[in-house]
Amino acid sequence: MWIYFGLLAALFLSFNALARKRSVTGNAVFPVLLVSNATSLLLLLPAFIGSIFYAEQMKNIGFYMPSISLEDHFLIGIKSVLMTCSWILNFYALKHLPITIVTPIRGAGPFFTFIGAVIIYHESPELLQWIGFFLIIISMIFYSRIGKKEGIVFKNNKWILAIVGATFFGSVSGLYDKFLFQYKDYEVLTVQWWFFFYVTFFMLLLVLFVYKPNKDKMGKFKLHWTILASGVLIFLADYFYFKGLQDPEALIMIMSAVKRSQILFTVLIGGLIFKEQNRRMKLIPLLGILIGVFCILYSS
């Protein structure tokens, strides 16, 4: 069942990637992230208030959020810091790079998660899983060559470094998710509420003390419906992803790969919407990434 939760997460992530690309186009990154995460937080507000005043009713419908200790706040806060770094880097990369370059690099995230899962959690890979991850990395090398045709030199481009950094922080956060849900047994909505609460708080500080004093340099902010849509979509994607991870049998290396199966939809539709270059050429390494993902998916 956890595999299907991963596929649902991938579906919502694909739409979210498109919404995020549109939301940062000509927009300041910090306010976009603030509004997006605040939207996710507002979606969870009724469940949080209901858990305080109508605990039994919320338990009956499965939306109860138990109170947590100071240690729990600290542990969830760590995840919030990791994903704040990942999202900031990701949004800046999306603002300056084609989505058909950004999304496949993000798709290599399962490789880092895979290595961490083997070393930290001693998850046992099969031969097909090794083949799958090496296919992903080789395909990324081909993507770098296509990027040069668009004037994007991977080794000298700071936005490429930004998306690589975003991928790294996201992978570390993914490994940490397994700890939160399989070792600490946290409830999904509880983690989501406090996670979005802390990320929104961090982004508010950045908007007030970094963006506002440098507004002319960092660009103007204009509210667009895709910013709100991104908040809804990331909430849904995380919800199903976390639900899948709650299963004791769920392997983080597999979940990470399944979640990144959003690449095909995002690149194909995103390339059409944003009129980006070399869409047909990008299908070749994209096919390699997909084969790698399916090797991992079907190996077990």
C-alpha atoms as a PDB file:
ATOM      1  CA  MET A   1       0.000   0.000   0.000  1.00  0.00           C
ATOM      2  CA  TRP A   2       2.875   2.389   0.761  1.00  0.00           C
ATOM      3  CA  ILE A   3       3.948   2.291  -2.900  1.00  0.00           C
ATOM      4  CA  TYR A   4       0.575   3.738  -3.929  1.00  0.00           C
ATOM      5  CA  PHE A   5       0.939   6.547  -1.401  1.00  0.00           C
ATOM      6  CA  GLY A   6       4.294   7.294  -3.037  1.00  0.00           C
ATOM      7  CA  LEU A   7       2.680   7.451  -6.475  1.00  0.00           C
ATOM      8  CA  LEU A   8       0.008   9.836  -5.203  1.00  0.00           C
ATOM      9  CA  ALA A   9       2.746  12.032  -3.751  1.00  0.00           C
ATOM     10  CA  ALA A  10       4.459  12.007  -7.160  1.00  0.00           C
ATOM     11  CA  LEU A  11       1.242  13.090  -8.870  1.00  0.00           C
ATOM     12  CA  PHE A  12       0.797  16.128  -6.631  1.00  0.00           C
ATOM     13  CA  LEU A  13       4.517  16.959  -6.790  1.00  0.00           C
ATOM     14  CA  SER A  14       4.372  17.141 -10.580  1.00  0.00           C
ATOM     15  CA  PHE A  15       1.604  19.745 -10.472  1.00  0.00           C
ATOM     16  CA  ASN A  16       3.424  21.526  -7.653  1.00  0.00           C
ATOM     17  CA  ALA A  17       6.616  21.834  -9.728  1.00  0.00           C
ATOM     18  CA  LEU A  18       4.648  23.548 -12.501  1.00  0.00           C
ATOM     19  CA  ALA A  19       2.888  25.862 -10.036  1.00  0.00           C
ATOM     20  CA  ARG A  20       6.190  26.802  -8.413  1.00  0.00           C
ATOM     21  CA  LYS A  21       7.832  27.546 -11.755  1.00  0.00           C
ATOM     22  CA  ARG A  22       5.028  29.969 -12.628  1.00  0.00           C
ATOM     23  CA  SER A  23       4.918  31.499  -9.134  1.00  0.00           C
ATOM     24  CA  VAL A  24       8.613  32.552  -9.167  1.00  0.00           C
ATOM     25  CA  THR A  25       8.580  33.827 -12.752  1.00  0.00           C
ATOM     26  CA  GLY A  26       9.238  37.564 -12.349  1.00  0.00           C
ATOM     27  CA  ASN A  27       8.611  37.302  -8.606  1.00  0.00           C
ATOM     28  CA  ALA A  28      10.719  37.677  -5.462  1.00  0.00           C
ATOM     29  CA  VAL A  29      11.495  34.253  -3.988  1.00  0.00           C
ATOM     30  CA  PHE A  30      11.190  34.905  -0.232  1.00  0.00           C
ATOM     31  CA  PRO A  31       7.623  36.319  -0.301  1.00  0.00           C
ATOM     32  CA  VAL A  32       6.541  33.506  -2.642  1.00  0.00           C
ATOM     33  CA  LEU A  33       7.807  30.912  -0.169  1.00  0.00           C
ATOM     34  CA  LEU A  34       6.191  32.739   2.743  1.00  0.00           C
ATOM     35  CA  VAL A  35       2.735  32.837   1.135  1.00  0.00           C
ATOM     36  CA  SER A  36       2.990  29.259  -0.166  1.00  0.00           C
ATOM     37  CA  ASN A  37       3.903  27.791   3.227  1.00  0.00           C
ATOM     38  CA  ALA A  38       1.393  29.995   5.036  1.00  0.00           C
ATOM     39  CA  THR A  39      -1.275  28.535   2.717  1.00  0.00           C
ATOM     40  CA  SER A  40      -0.282  24.991   3.757  1.00  0.00           C
ATOM     41  CA  LEU A  41      -0.389  26.064   7.396  1.00  0.00           C
ATOM     42  CA  LEU A  42      -3.883  27.548   7.022  1.00  0.00           C
ATOM     43  CA  LEU A  43      -5.141  24.254   5.564  1.00  0.00           C
ATOM     44  CA  LEU A  44      -4.074  22.520   8.782  1.00  0.00           C
ATOM     45  CA  LEU A  45      -5.382  25.223  11.141  1.00  0.00           C
ATOM     46  CA  PRO A  46      -8.898  23.719  11.562  1.00  0.00           C
ATOM     47  CA  ALA A  47      -7.398  20.346  12.567  1.00  0.00           C
ATOM     48  CA  PHE A  48      -5.028  22.046  15.039  1.00  0.00           C
ATOM     49  CA  ILE A  49      -7.814  24.090  16.677  1.00  0.00           C
ATOM     50  CA  GLY A  50     -10.178  21.105  16.644  1.00  0.00           C
ATOM     51  CA  SER A  51      -7.562  18.938  18.380  1.00  0.00           C
ATOM     52  CA  ILE A  52      -7.447  21.443  21.257  1.00  0.00           C
ATOM     53  CA  PHE A  53     -11.192  21.954  21.778  1.00  0.00           C
ATOM     54  CA  TYR A  54     -12.787  18.849  20.233  1.00  0.00           C
ATOM     55  CA  ALA A  55     -10.206  16.136  20.801  1.00  0.00           C
ATOM     56  CA  GLU A  56     -12.557  13.136  20.765  1.00  0.00           C
ATOM     57  CA  GLN A  57     -14.360  14.220  17.617  1.00  0.00           C
ATOM     58  CA  MET A  58     -11.042  14.811  15.832  1.00  0.00           C
ATOM     59  CA  LYS A  59      -9.800  11.378  16.896  1.00  0.00           C
ATOM     60  CA  ASN A  60     -12.935   9.791  15.465  1.00  0.00           C
ATOM     61  CA  ILE A  61     -12.396  11.340  12.034  1.00  0.00           C
ATOM     62  CA  GLY A  62      -8.610  10.808  12.012  1.00  0.00           C
ATOM     63  CA  PHE A  63      -7.547  14.472  12.176  1.00  0.00           C
ATOM     64  CA  TYR A  64      -6.338  14.628  15.769  1.00  0.00           C
ATOM     65  CA  MET A  65      -2.978  16.275  16.522  1.00  0.00           C
ATOM     66  CA  PRO A  66      -1.556  15.217  19.897  1.00  0.00           C
ATOM     67  CA  SER A  67       0.518  17.692  21.900  1.00  0.00           C
ATOM     68  CA  ILE A  68       4.267  17.193  21.636  1.00  0.00           C
ATOM     69  CA  SER A  69       7.260  17.698  23.926  1.00  0.00           C
ATOM     70  CA  LEU A  70      10.091  20.219  23.658  1.00  0.00           C
ATOM     71  CA  GLU A  71      12.321  17.468  22.256  1.00  0.00           C
ATOM     72  CA  ASP A  72       9.721  16.746  19.558  1.00  0.00           C
ATOM     73  CA  HIS A  73       9.645  20.424  18.612  1.00  0.00           C
ATOM     74  CA  PHE A  74      13.428  20.368  18.269  1.00  0.00           C
ATOM     75  CA  LEU A  75      13.382  17.252  16.058  1.00  0.00           C
ATOM     76  CA  ILE A  76      10.667  18.618  13.769  1.00  0.00           C
ATOM     77  CA  GLY A  77      12.495  21.965  13.744  1.00  0.00           C
ATOM     78  CA  ILE A  78      15.544  20.232  12.260  1.00  0.00           C
ATOM     79  CA  LYS A  79      13.417  19.028   9.339  1.00  0.00           C
ATOM     80  CA  SER A  80      12.050  22.550   8.917  1.00  0.00           C
ATOM     81  CA  VAL A  81      15.584  24.006   8.644  1.00  0.00           C
ATOM     82  CA  LEU A  82      16.621  21.353   6.104  1.00  0.00           C
ATOM     83  CA  MET A  83      13.609  21.955   3.883  1.00  0.00           C
ATOM     84  CA  THR A  84      13.794  25.747   4.219  1.00  0.00           C
ATOM     85  CA  CYS A  85      17.334  25.584   2.799  1.00  0.00           C
ATOM     86  CA  SER A  86      16.204  23.160   0.084  1.00  0.00           C
ATOM     87  CA  TRP A  87      13.198  25.239  -0.966  1.00  0.00           C
ATOM     88  CA  ILE A  88      15.097  28.546  -1.062  1.00  0.00           C
ATOM     89  CA  LEU A  89      17.796  27.054  -3.283  1.00  0.00           C
ATOM     90  CA  ASN A  90      15.196  25.260  -5.405  1.00  0.00           C
ATOM     91  CA  PHE A  91      13.092  28.378  -5.947  1.00  0.00           C
ATOM     92  CA  TYR A  92      16.100  30.473  -6.984  1.00  0.00           C
ATOM     93  CA  ALA A  93      17.134  27.741  -9.428  1.00  0.00           C
ATOM     94  CA  LEU A  94      13.587  27.580 -10.830  1.00  0.00           C
ATOM     95  CA  LYS A  95      13.628  31.325 -11.298  1.00  0.00           C
ATOM     96  CA  HIS A  96      16.809  31.286 -13.397  1.00  0.00           C
ATOM     97  CA  LEU A  97      16.821  27.860 -15.109  1.00  0.00           C
ATOM     98  CA  PRO A  98      14.436  25.959 -17.427  1.00  0.00           C
ATOM     99  CA  ILE A  99      12.120  23.593 -15.559  1.00  0.00           C
ATOM    100  CA  THR A 100      13.263  20.821 -17.899  1.00  0.00           C
ATOM    101  CA  ILE A 101      16.782  21.199 -16.441  1.00  0.00           C
ATOM    102  CA  VAL A 102      15.802  21.738 -12.793  1.00  0.00           C
ATOM    103  CA  THR A 103      13.346  18.854 -12.480  1.00  0.00           C
ATOM    104  CA  PRO A 104      15.658  16.069 -13.710  1.00  0.00           C
ATOM    105  CA  ILE A 105      18.486  17.241 -11.414  1.00  0.00           C
ATOM    106  CA  ARG A 106      16.015  17.076  -8.541  1.00  0.00           C
ATOM    107  CA  GLY A 107      15.162  13.638  -9.868  1.00  0.00           C
ATOM    108  CA  ALA A 108      18.692  12.500  -9.010  1.00  0.00           C
ATOM    109  CA  GLY A 109      17.851  13.016  -5.328  1.00  0.00           C
ATOM    110  CA  PRO A 110      16.965   9.327  -4.850  1.00  0.00           C
ATOM    111  CA  PHE A 111      20.620   8.475  -5.520  1.00  0.00           C
ATOM    112  CA  PHE A 112      21.745  10.400  -2.423  1.00  0.00           C
ATOM    113  CA  THR A 113      18.843   8.982  -0.447  1.00  0.00           C
ATOM    114  CA  PHE A 114      19.751   5.500  -1.635  1.00  0.00           C
ATOM    115  CA  ILE A 115      23.344   5.788  -0.373  1.00  0.00           C
ATOM    116  CA  GLY A 116      22.140   7.171   2.960  1.00  0.00           C
ATOM    117  CA  ALA A 117      19.529   4.426   3.320  1.00  0.00           C
ATOM    118  CA  VAL A 118      22.195   1.741   2.843  1.00  0.00           C
ATOM    119  CA  ILE A 119      24.705   3.329   5.235  1.00  0.00           C
ATOM    120  CA  ILE A 120      22.369   4.647   7.950  1.00  0.00           C
ATOM    121  CA  TYR A 121      19.365   2.319   7.893  1.00  0.00           C
ATOM    122  CA  HIS A 122      21.087  -0.740   6.394  1.00  0.00           C
ATOM    123  CA  GLU A 123      18.407  -1.132   3.745  1.00  0.00           C
ATOM    124  CA  SER A 124      19.430  -3.954   1.426  1.00  0.00           C
ATOM    125  CA  PRO A 125      19.514  -3.022  -2.270  1.00  0.00           C
ATOM    126  CA  GLU A 126      19.042  -5.564  -5.011  1.00  0.00           C
ATOM    127  CA  LEU A 127      20.941  -5.673  -8.289  1.00  0.00           C
ATOM    128  CA  LEU A 128      18.147  -3.906 -10.188  1.00  0.00           C
ATOM    129  CA  GLN A 129      18.174  -1.103  -7.624  1.00  0.00           C
ATOM    130  CA  TRP A 130      21.894  -0.531  -8.152  1.00  0.00           C
ATOM    131  CA  ILE A 131      21.342  -0.540 -11.929  1.00  0.00           C
ATOM    132  CA  GLY A 132      18.464   1.910 -11.572  1.00  0.00           C
ATOM    133  CA  PHE A 133      20.435   4.477  -9.606  1.00  0.00           C
ATOM    134  CA  PHE A 134      23.442   4.340 -11.921  1.00  0.00           C
ATOM    135  CA  LEU A 135      21.091   4.859 -14.878  1.00  0.00           C
ATOM    136  CA  ILE A 136      19.809   8.015 -13.181  1.00  0.00           C
ATOM    137  CA  ILE A 137      23.301   9.420 -12.655  1.00  0.00           C
ATOM    138  CA  ILE A 138      24.439   8.630 -16.219  1.00  0.00           C
ATOM    139  CA  SER A 139      21.272  10.257 -17.572  1.00  0.00           C
ATOM    140  CA  MET A 140      22.052  13.391 -15.546  1.00  0.00           C
ATOM    141  CA  ILE A 141      25.434  13.646 -17.289  1.00  0.00           C
ATOM    142  CA  PHE A 142      23.606  13.684 -20.627  1.00  0.00           C
ATOM    143  CA  TYR A 143      21.317  16.392 -19.269  1.00  0.00           C
ATOM    144  CA  SER A 144      24.339  18.536 -18.498  1.00  0.00           C
ATOM    145  CA  ARG A 145      25.377  18.336 -22.161  1.00  0.00           C
ATOM    146  CA  ILE A 146      21.903  19.402 -23.295  1.00  0.00           C
ATOM    147  CA  GLY A 147      22.015  22.277 -20.830  1.00  0.00           C
ATOM    148  CA  LYS A 148      25.142  23.629 -22.533  1.00  0.00           C
ATOM    149  CA  LYS A 149      23.112  24.039 -25.732  1.00  0.00           C
ATOM    150  CA  GLU A 150      20.918  26.487 -23.817  1.00  0.00           C
ATOM    151  CA  GLY A 151      23.925  28.430 -22.562  1.00  0.00           C
ATOM    152  CA  ILE A 152      23.898  26.619 -19.219  1.00  0.00           C
ATOM    153  CA  VAL A 153      27.402  25.467 -18.280  1.00  0.00           C
ATOM    154  CA  PHE A 154      26.827  23.148 -15.348  1.00  0.00           C
ATOM    155  CA  LYS A 155      30.217  23.448 -13.652  1.00  0.00           C
ATOM    156  CA  ASN A 156      30.290  27.283 -13.724  1.00  0.00           C
ATOM    157  CA  ASN A 157      26.623  28.087 -13.178  1.00  0.00           C
ATOM    158  CA  LYS A 158      25.684  29.135  -9.644  1.00  0.00           C
ATOM    159  CA  TRP A 159      22.030  28.229 -10.229  1.00  0.00           C
ATOM    160  CA  ILE A 160      23.068  24.687 -11.093  1.00  0.00           C
ATOM    161  CA  LEU A 161      24.971  24.636  -7.795  1.00  0.00           C
ATOM    162  CA  ALA A 162      21.813  25.939  -6.119  1.00  0.00           C
ATOM    163  CA  ILE A 163      19.654  23.094  -7.461  1.00  0.00           C
ATOM    164  CA  VAL A 164      22.334  20.541  -6.543  1.00  0.00           C
ATOM    165  CA  GLY A 165      22.360  22.000  -3.016  1.00  0.00           C
ATOM    166  CA  ALA A 166      18.560  21.882  -2.906  1.00  0.00           C
ATOM    167  CA  THR A 167      18.685  18.238  -3.972  1.00  0.00           C
ATOM    168  CA  PHE A 168      21.220  17.410  -1.262  1.00  0.00           C
ATOM    169  CA  PHE A 169      19.229  19.074   1.530  1.00  0.00           C
ATOM    170  CA  GLY A 170      16.052  17.427   0.240  1.00  0.00           C
ATOM    171  CA  SER A 171      17.714  14.007   0.303  1.00  0.00           C
ATOM    172  CA  VAL A 172      18.963  14.508   3.864  1.00  0.00           C
ATOM    173  CA  SER A 173      15.437  15.558   4.835  1.00  0.00           C
ATOM    174  CA  GLY A 174      14.061  12.413   3.169  1.00  0.00           C
ATOM    175  CA  LEU A 175      16.372  10.204   5.224  1.00  0.00           C
ATOM    176  CA  TYR A 176      15.355  12.135   8.331  1.00  0.00           C
ATOM    177  CA  ASP A 177      11.682  11.511   7.499  1.00  0.00           C
ATOM    178  CA  LYS A 178      12.186   7.780   7.995  1.00  0.00           C
ATOM    179  CA  PHE A 179      13.572   8.492  11.465  1.00  0.00           C
ATOM    180  CA  LEU A 180      10.565  10.667  12.353  1.00  0.00           C
ATOM    181  CA  PHE A 181       7.887   8.248  11.157  1.00  0.00           C
ATOM    182  CA  GLN A 182       9.383   4.797  11.687  1.00  0.00           C
ATOM    183  CA  TYR A 183      11.605   5.350  14.733  1.00  0.00           C
ATOM    184  CA  LYS A 184       9.742   8.144  16.539  1.00  0.00           C
ATOM    185  CA  ASP A 185       6.246   7.082  15.336  1.00  0.00           C
ATOM    186  CA  TYR A 186       5.013  10.639  14.856  1.00  0.00           C
ATOM    187  CA  GLU A 187       1.554  11.369  13.479  1.00  0.00           C
ATOM    188  CA  VAL A 188       1.489  12.762   9.943  1.00  0.00           C
ATOM    189  CA  LEU A 189      -0.665  15.828  10.611  1.00  0.00           C
ATOM    190  CA  THR A 190       1.308  16.717  13.742  1.00  0.00           C
ATOM    191  CA  VAL A 191       4.575  16.765  11.819  1.00  0.00           C
ATOM    192  CA  GLN A 192       2.992  18.692   8.965  1.00  0.00           C
ATOM    193  CA  TRP A 193       1.476  21.349  11.230  1.00  0.00           C
ATOM    194  CA  TRP A 194       4.667  22.118  13.162  1.00  0.00           C
ATOM    195  CA  PHE A 195       6.829  21.760  10.057  1.00  0.00           C
ATOM    196  CA  PHE A 196       4.838  24.348   8.107  1.00  0.00           C
ATOM    197  CA  PHE A 197       4.584  26.497  11.246  1.00  0.00           C
ATOM    198  CA  TYR A 198       8.375  26.712  11.623  1.00  0.00           C
ATOM    199  CA  VAL A 199       9.062  27.119   7.896  1.00  0.00           C
ATOM    200  CA  THR A 200       6.492  29.944   7.718  1.00  0.00           C
ATOM    201  CA  PHE A 201       8.136  31.573  10.749  1.00  0.00           C
ATOM    202  CA  PHE A 202      11.596  31.302   9.173  1.00  0.00           C
ATOM    203  CA  MET A 203      10.344  32.764   5.907  1.00  0.00           C
ATOM    204  CA  LEU A 204       8.608  35.618   7.729  1.00  0.00           C
ATOM    205  CA  LEU A 205      11.936  36.557   9.348  1.00  0.00           C
ATOM    206  CA  LEU A 206      13.675  36.427   5.958  1.00  0.00           C
ATOM    207  CA  VAL A 207      10.998  38.622   4.367  1.00  0.00           C
ATOM    208  CA  LEU A 208      11.133  41.197   7.185  1.00  0.00           C
ATOM    209  CA  PHE A 209      14.898  41.392   7.673  1.00  0.00           C
ATOM    210  CA  VAL A 210      16.373  40.353   4.317  1.00  0.00           C
ATOM    211  CA  TYR A 211      13.819  40.972   1.569  1.00  0.00           C
ATOM    212  CA  LYS A 212      12.194  44.233   2.693  1.00  0.00           C
ATOM    213  CA  PRO A 213      15.470  46.181   3.178  1.00  0.00           C
ATOM    214  CA  ASN A 214      16.669  44.932  -0.236  1.00  0.00           C
ATOM    215  CA  LYS A 215      13.373  44.979  -2.111  1.00  0.00           C
ATOM    216  CA  ASP A 216      14.689  47.000  -5.051  1.00  0.00           C
ATOM    217  CA  LYS A 217      17.592  44.607  -5.550  1.00  0.00           C
ATOM    218  CA  MET A 218      15.675  41.358  -4.925  1.00  0.00           C
ATOM    219  CA  GLY A 219      12.645  42.242  -7.047  1.00  0.00           C
ATOM    220  CA  LYS A 220       8.974  42.996  -6.516  1.00  0.00           C
ATOM    221  CA  PHE A 221       6.366  40.557  -5.270  1.00  0.00           C
ATOM    222  CA  LYS A 222       3.001  40.049  -6.934  1.00  0.00           C
ATOM    223  CA  LEU A 223       0.454  37.568  -5.620  1.00  0.00           C
ATOM    224  CA  HIS A 224      -0.536  34.923  -8.182  1.00  0.00           C
ATOM    225  CA  TRP A 225      -2.978  32.043  -7.776  1.00  0.00           C
ATOM    226  CA  THR A 226      -0.206  29.510  -8.474  1.00  0.00           C
ATOM    227  CA  ILE A 227       1.497  30.519  -5.206  1.00  0.00           C
ATOM    228  CA  LEU A 228      -1.612  29.481  -3.255  1.00  0.00           C
ATOM    229  CA  ALA A 229      -1.991  26.374  -5.416  1.00  0.00           C
ATOM    230  CA  SER A 230       1.601  25.403  -4.612  1.00  0.00           C
ATOM    231  CA  GLY A 231       0.803  25.524  -0.891  1.00  0.00           C
ATOM    232  CA  VAL A 232      -2.165  23.193  -1.359  1.00  0.00           C
ATOM    233  CA  LEU A 233      -0.266  20.790  -3.619  1.00  0.00           C
ATOM    234  CA  ILE A 234       2.817  20.460  -1.397  1.00  0.00           C
ATOM    235  CA  PHE A 235       0.548  19.786   1.589  1.00  0.00           C
ATOM    236  CA  LEU A 236      -1.165  16.943  -0.299  1.00  0.00           C
ATOM    237  CA  ALA A 237       2.115  15.549  -1.659  1.00  0.00           C
ATOM    238  CA  ASP A 238       3.726  15.494   1.792  1.00  0.00           C
ATOM    239  CA  TYR A 239       0.624  14.002   3.378  1.00  0.00           C
ATOM    240  CA  PHE A 240       0.598  10.943   1.122  1.00  0.00           C
ATOM    241  CA  TYR A 241       4.392  10.621   1.227  1.00  0.00           C
ATOM    242  CA  PHE A 242       4.393  10.633   5.045  1.00  0.00           C
ATOM    243  CA  LYS A 243       1.465   8.199   5.176  1.00  0.00           C
ATOM    244  CA  GLY A 244       3.477   5.807   3.049  1.00  0.00           C
ATOM    245  CA  LEU A 245       6.531   6.170   5.287  1.00  0.00           C
ATOM    246  CA  GLN A 246       4.481   5.253   8.353  1.00  0.00           C
ATOM    247  CA  ASP A 247       4.344   1.678   7.074  1.00  0.00           C
ATOM    248  CA  PRO A 248       7.147  -0.260   8.854  1.00  0.00           C
ATOM    249  CA  GLU A 249       7.872  -2.096   5.602  1.00  0.00           C
ATOM    250  CA  ALA A 250       8.391   1.096   3.586  1.00  0.00           C
ATOM    251  CA  LEU A 251      11.928   1.540   2.231  1.00  0.00           C
ATOM    252  CA  ILE A 252      13.022   5.167   2.003  1.00  0.00           C
ATOM    253  CA  MET A 253      15.186   4.378  -1.039  1.00  0.00           C
ATOM    254  CA  ILE A 254      12.140   3.093  -2.932  1.00  0.00           C
ATOM    255  CA  MET A 255       9.800   5.838  -1.720  1.00  0.00           C
ATOM    256  CA  SER A 256      12.284   8.486  -2.792  1.00  0.00           C
ATOM    257  CA  ALA A 257      12.550   7.003  -6.290  1.00  0.00           C
ATOM    258  CA  VAL A 258       8.790   6.538  -6.681  1.00  0.00           C
ATOM    259  CA  LYS A 259       8.192  10.111  -5.571  1.00  0.00           C
ATOM    260  CA  ARG A 260      10.528  11.340  -8.315  1.00  0.00           C
ATOM    261  CA  SER A 261       8.554   9.525 -11.008  1.00  0.00           C
ATOM    262  CA  GLN A 262       6.829  12.909 -11.379  1.00  0.00           C
ATOM    263  CA  ILE A 263       9.648  13.863 -13.759  1.00  0.00           C
ATOM    264  CA  LEU A 264       8.005  12.675 -16.978  1.00  0.00           C
ATOM    265  CA  PHE A 265       4.804  14.650 -16.484  1.00  0.00           C
ATOM    266  CA  THR A 266       6.605  17.775 -15.254  1.00  0.00           C
ATOM    267  CA  VAL A 267       9.137  17.888 -18.086  1.00  0.00           C
ATOM    268  CA  LEU A 268       6.657  17.135 -20.874  1.00  0.00           C
ATOM    269  CA  ILE A 269       3.905  19.501 -19.752  1.00  0.00           C
ATOM    270  CA  GLY A 270       6.294  22.090 -18.336  1.00  0.00           C
ATOM    271  CA  GLY A 271       8.257  22.184 -21.563  1.00  0.00           C
ATOM    272  CA  LEU A 272       5.065  22.859 -23.515  1.00  0.00           C
ATOM    273  CA  ILE A 273       3.730  25.491 -21.104  1.00  0.00           C
ATOM    274  CA  PHE A 274       6.985  27.431 -20.727  1.00  0.00           C
ATOM    275  CA  LYS A 275       8.111  26.937 -24.378  1.00  0.00           C
ATOM    276  CA  GLU A 276      11.564  25.741 -23.373  1.00  0.00           C
ATOM    277  CA  GLN A 277      14.284  24.618 -25.769  1.00  0.00           C
ATOM    278  CA  ASN A 278      15.448  21.137 -26.817  1.00  0.00           C
ATOM    279  CA  ARG A 279      12.393  19.346 -25.432  1.00  0.00           C
ATOM    280  CA  ARG A 280      12.784  16.378 -27.786  1.00  0.00           C
ATOM    281  CA  MET A 281      16.485  15.955 -27.000  1.00  0.00           C
ATOM    282  CA  LYS A 282      15.692  15.982 -23.286  1.00  0.00           C
ATOM    283  CA  LEU A 283      13.402  12.986 -23.776  1.00  0.00           C
ATOM    284  CA  ILE A 284      16.443  10.746 -24.370  1.00  0.00           C
ATOM    285  CA  PRO A 285      18.113  11.138 -20.960  1.00  0.00           C
ATOM    286  CA  LEU A 286      14.655  11.454 -19.444  1.00  0.00           C
ATOM    287  CA  LEU A 287      13.940   7.947 -20.688  1.00  0.00           C
ATOM    288  CA  GLY A 288      17.112   6.776 -18.930  1.00  0.00           C
ATOM    289  CA  ILE A 289      15.934   8.342 -15.674  1.00  0.00           C
ATOM    290  CA  LEU A 290      12.537   6.700 -16.019  1.00  0.00           C
ATOM    291  CA  ILE A 291      14.067   3.293 -16.721  1.00  0.00           C
ATOM    292  CA  GLY A 292      16.216   3.746 -13.635  1.00  0.00           C
ATOM    293  CA  VAL A 293      13.194   4.643 -11.527  1.00  0.00           C
ATOM    294  CA  PHE A 294      11.202   1.664 -12.806  1.00  0.00           C
ATOM    295  CA  CYS A 295      14.130  -0.699 -12.196  1.00  0.00           C
ATOM    296  CA  ILE A 296      14.008   0.366  -8.564  1.00  0.00           C
ATOM    297  CA  LEU A 297      10.218   0.274  -8.462  1.00  0.00           C
ATOM    298  CA  TYR A 298       9.860  -3.231  -9.860  1.00  0.00           C
ATOM    299  CA  SER A 299      12.981  -4.797  -8.379  1.00  0.00           C
ATOM    300  CA  SER A 300      10.952  -6.000  -5.395  1.00  0.00           C
END
